[in-house]
Protein backbone atom coordinates (compact mmCIF):
# COMPACT_ATOMS: atom_id res chain seq x y z
CA MET A 1 -1.75 58.70 -28.09
CA LYS A 2 -0.93 55.43 -29.84
CA THR A 3 -1.94 54.97 -33.48
CA SER A 4 -4.31 52.12 -32.50
CA GLN A 5 -5.99 54.37 -29.92
CA ILE A 6 -6.33 57.20 -32.47
CA LEU A 7 -7.77 54.75 -34.99
CA ARG A 8 -10.30 53.36 -32.48
CA THR A 9 -11.32 56.91 -31.51
CA SER A 10 -11.62 57.90 -35.14
CA ILE A 11 -13.70 54.83 -35.98
CA THR A 12 -15.98 55.42 -32.98
CA ALA A 13 -16.47 59.07 -33.87
CA SER A 14 -17.10 58.23 -37.52
CA SER A 15 -19.59 55.50 -36.62
CA LEU A 16 -21.43 57.82 -34.27
CA ALA A 17 -21.49 60.60 -36.84
CA PHE A 18 -22.88 58.21 -39.46
CA ALA A 19 -25.52 57.00 -37.01
CA MET A 20 -26.52 60.59 -36.25
CA PHE A 21 -26.75 61.33 -39.97
CA ALA A 22 -29.07 58.34 -40.37
CA VAL A 23 -31.18 59.58 -37.45
CA ALA A 24 -31.37 63.01 -39.03
CA CYS A 25 -32.50 61.58 -42.36
CA SER A 26 -35.12 59.32 -40.82
CA GLY A 27 -36.21 62.13 -38.52
CA ASN A 28 -36.77 64.51 -41.40
CA GLN A 29 -38.65 61.85 -43.34
CA SER A 30 -40.98 61.31 -40.38
CA GLY A 31 -41.59 65.01 -39.94
CA MET A 32 -39.10 65.59 -37.09
CA SER A 33 -37.81 69.17 -37.05
CA LEU A 34 -34.13 69.99 -37.46
CA GLU A 35 -34.13 71.31 -33.89
CA GLN A 36 -35.43 67.99 -32.57
CA THR A 37 -32.87 66.09 -34.62
CA GLN A 38 -30.10 68.32 -33.29
CA ARG A 39 -31.27 67.77 -29.71
CA GLU A 40 -31.23 64.00 -30.18
CA THR A 41 -27.78 64.18 -31.76
CA ASP A 42 -26.42 66.30 -28.91
CA ALA A 43 -27.95 63.94 -26.35
CA ALA A 44 -26.33 60.90 -28.02
CA LEU A 45 -22.94 62.63 -28.15
CA GLN A 46 -23.23 63.65 -24.49
CA LYS A 47 -24.12 60.08 -23.53
CA GLN A 48 -21.02 58.80 -25.32
CA ASP A 49 -18.85 61.42 -23.58
CA ASN A 50 -20.31 60.48 -20.18
CA LYS A 51 -19.63 56.80 -20.85
CA SER A 52 -15.99 57.47 -21.78
CA ALA A 53 -15.49 59.68 -18.73
CA GLY A 54 -17.04 57.02 -16.48
CA ILE A 55 -14.75 54.30 -17.83
CA GLU A 56 -11.67 56.51 -17.36
CA ARG A 57 -12.71 57.33 -13.79
CA LEU A 58 -13.30 53.66 -12.93
CA GLN A 59 -9.98 52.79 -14.54
CA ARG A 60 -8.16 55.24 -12.26
CA GLU A 61 -9.99 54.01 -9.15
CA LEU A 62 -9.29 50.33 -9.83
CA ALA A 63 -5.62 51.04 -10.57
CA GLN A 64 -5.09 52.32 -7.01
CA VAL A 65 -3.14 49.71 -5.04
CA PRO A 66 -4.41 49.48 -1.42
CA ALA A 67 -1.85 49.79 1.36
CA LYS A 68 -3.32 46.71 3.01
CA GLU A 69 -2.14 43.24 1.98
CA GLN A 70 -4.32 40.26 2.84
CA LEU A 71 -2.51 37.59 0.88
CA THR A 72 -4.13 34.23 0.35
CA LYS A 73 -2.81 30.92 -0.96
CA THR A 74 -6.10 30.41 -2.78
CA PRO A 75 -6.88 33.48 -4.91
CA TYR A 76 -10.45 33.88 -6.11
CA ARG A 77 -12.67 35.74 -8.54
CA ASP A 78 -16.22 37.07 -8.57
CA THR A 79 -19.01 36.72 -11.11
CA LEU A 80 -17.96 39.86 -13.02
CA GLY A 81 -14.22 39.49 -13.09
CA PRO A 82 -11.52 39.91 -12.30
CA PHE A 83 -11.24 42.76 -14.75
CA ILE A 84 -7.79 43.10 -16.29
CA LEU A 85 -5.92 46.39 -16.43
CA GLU A 86 -2.59 46.36 -18.27
CA ARG A 87 0.38 48.67 -18.51
CA GLN A 88 3.95 48.49 -19.78
CA ASP A 89 7.14 50.11 -18.47
CA GLY A 90 5.33 52.21 -15.87
CA GLY A 91 2.71 53.74 -18.16
CA PRO A 92 -0.97 54.19 -17.19
CA TYR A 93 -3.14 51.13 -16.63
CA LYS A 94 -5.81 50.52 -19.29
CA PHE A 95 -8.75 48.12 -19.32
CA TYR A 96 -8.31 45.05 -21.50
CA VAL A 97 -12.12 44.92 -21.60
CA ALA A 98 -14.09 47.55 -19.68
CA PRO A 99 -17.13 46.64 -17.54
CA LEU A 100 -20.59 47.08 -19.05
CA GLU A 101 -23.20 49.50 -17.71
CA ASP A 102 -26.15 48.20 -15.74
CA LEU A 103 -29.05 47.60 -18.15
CA THR A 104 -31.53 49.28 -15.80
CA THR A 105 -29.58 52.24 -14.40
CA GLY A 106 -27.01 52.73 -17.14
CA GLU A 107 -24.33 53.02 -14.44
CA LEU A 108 -20.96 51.30 -14.31
CA PRO A 109 -20.31 49.06 -11.28
CA PRO A 110 -18.67 50.89 -8.34
CA ALA A 111 -14.96 50.21 -7.86
CA ASN A 112 -15.52 48.99 -4.30
CA THR A 113 -17.59 46.05 -5.57
CA LEU A 114 -14.99 44.62 -7.95
CA ILE A 115 -11.93 42.38 -8.08
CA VAL A 116 -9.21 43.48 -10.48
CA ALA A 117 -5.95 42.10 -11.84
CA LEU A 118 -3.27 44.71 -12.46
CA VAL A 119 -0.84 43.39 -15.08
CA ASP A 120 2.49 45.18 -15.18
CA TYR A 121 4.68 44.24 -18.17
CA LYS A 122 8.39 44.91 -17.95
CA LYS A 123 11.13 44.33 -20.48
CA VAL A 124 13.82 41.90 -19.36
CA ASP A 125 17.14 41.75 -21.20
CA ASP A 126 17.36 38.56 -23.28
CA GLY A 127 19.78 39.51 -26.03
CA PRO A 128 21.58 40.44 -28.08
CA TYR A 129 20.20 38.69 -31.16
CA VAL A 130 21.77 38.31 -34.58
CA ILE A 131 19.64 39.73 -37.38
CA VAL A 132 20.55 37.62 -40.38
CA GLU A 133 19.54 39.86 -43.29
CA LYS A 134 21.14 42.92 -41.65
CA ASN A 135 24.29 41.07 -40.61
CA LYS A 136 24.25 42.78 -37.21
CA THR A 137 23.21 42.28 -33.60
CA ILE A 138 20.28 43.99 -31.90
CA PRO A 139 19.08 44.14 -28.25
CA GLY A 140 16.47 41.51 -27.42
CA PHE A 141 13.94 41.45 -24.59
CA ARG A 142 11.28 39.28 -22.96
CA LEU A 143 8.09 40.86 -21.63
CA ASP A 144 7.60 39.47 -18.13
CA ALA A 145 4.43 40.29 -16.19
CA GLU A 146 3.80 41.02 -12.53
CA VAL A 147 0.14 40.32 -11.74
CA THR A 148 -1.37 41.91 -8.64
CA LEU A 149 -4.84 40.68 -7.70
CA ILE A 150 -6.85 43.24 -5.71
CA ASP A 151 -10.17 42.73 -3.96
CA HIS A 152 -11.56 46.26 -3.78
CA THR A 153 -14.42 45.14 -1.53
CA ILE A 154 -11.90 44.83 1.37
CA PRO A 155 -9.88 46.70 -0.06
CA ALA A 156 -6.61 44.74 -0.11
CA VAL A 157 -4.01 43.05 -2.28
CA ILE A 158 -4.86 39.34 -2.08
CA TYR A 159 -2.38 37.67 -4.43
CA LYS A 160 0.75 38.28 -6.52
CA LYS A 161 2.21 36.16 -9.30
CA THR A 162 4.94 36.55 -11.92
CA PHE A 163 4.53 35.28 -15.49
CA LYS A 164 7.54 34.87 -17.76
CA GLY A 165 7.23 36.14 -21.33
CA GLU A 166 8.49 34.40 -24.43
CA LYS A 167 11.83 34.93 -26.09
CA PRO A 168 11.77 36.75 -29.43
CA ALA A 169 10.61 34.04 -31.82
CA PRO A 170 11.84 33.23 -35.34
CA VAL A 171 9.47 34.15 -38.14
CA LEU A 172 9.78 30.72 -39.77
CA LYS A 173 9.52 27.36 -38.03
CA ASN A 174 12.61 25.17 -37.73
CA THR A 175 14.95 28.13 -38.14
CA ASN A 176 16.67 30.59 -35.86
CA ASP A 177 16.32 33.49 -38.28
CA LEU A 178 14.92 36.70 -36.77
CA TYR A 179 13.74 39.65 -38.83
CA ILE A 180 13.02 43.28 -37.96
CA LYS A 181 11.13 46.09 -39.63
CA GLU A 182 13.04 48.99 -41.10
CA GLY A 183 13.98 51.44 -38.36
CA GLU A 184 13.45 49.07 -35.42
CA THR A 185 16.23 49.19 -32.84
CA GLU A 186 15.22 46.23 -30.65
CA ILE A 187 13.28 43.00 -30.76
CA VAL A 188 10.73 41.98 -28.10
CA GLY A 189 9.14 38.60 -27.41
CA LYS A 190 5.45 37.87 -27.01
CA LYS A 191 3.86 38.86 -23.69
CA PRO A 192 2.32 36.02 -21.61
CA PHE A 193 -1.24 37.33 -21.85
CA GLU A 194 -2.92 34.03 -22.81
CA GLU A 195 -1.32 32.34 -19.79
CA ILE A 196 -2.54 35.15 -17.52
CA GLN A 197 -6.05 34.98 -18.97
CA LYS A 198 -6.19 31.22 -18.43
CA PHE A 199 -4.97 31.53 -14.84
CA LEU A 200 -7.60 34.17 -13.97
CA ALA A 201 -10.44 32.34 -15.73
CA GLU A 202 -9.73 29.17 -13.74
CA LEU A 203 -9.79 30.87 -10.34
CA PRO A 204 -12.53 29.61 -7.97
CA PHE A 205 -15.44 31.93 -7.25
CA ARG A 206 -15.37 33.88 -4.00
CA LYS A 207 -17.33 32.10 -1.25
């Protein structure tokens, strides 16, 4: 698990634990028994676990690429999405932002009602680069993206587009000097996520 994922998990768990502690304190002050407080705590933890499991299940379902291709020259979106799932170098797809539960039912939207954009980042050789302060060369890469738009209501692949990533950029403007952190063995340019976001946001709504 990546450090950022561990940190997010840790923060979520800590926040939930703090919230449960607050509930316990307020519960005891209002006369709630320890057993009642424990039941409410367990229920809240179970709800969080169910939510995480639901998001992971939906993630897996939306990442399935249909065998059918129904390509269109005019790709489209729906009112909820498309939701973006990203991966790099063949790893698992992960939501950029996961769907929200229905306010009434508490359920996530079914996969067969959604449009999704699978974004597959791949490193493309763009080096080597000279690292000035190390007086050596290092492999350099762009992060290009293959975007596959899937309408799961059909289900079918409806559009494909390639976005070119940026070259590794100098730290300072008006120079060509590149710097690396201690221990790094390669340098990678910025992925074209903003361009992808803009493209998807400007898609017309499905008729």
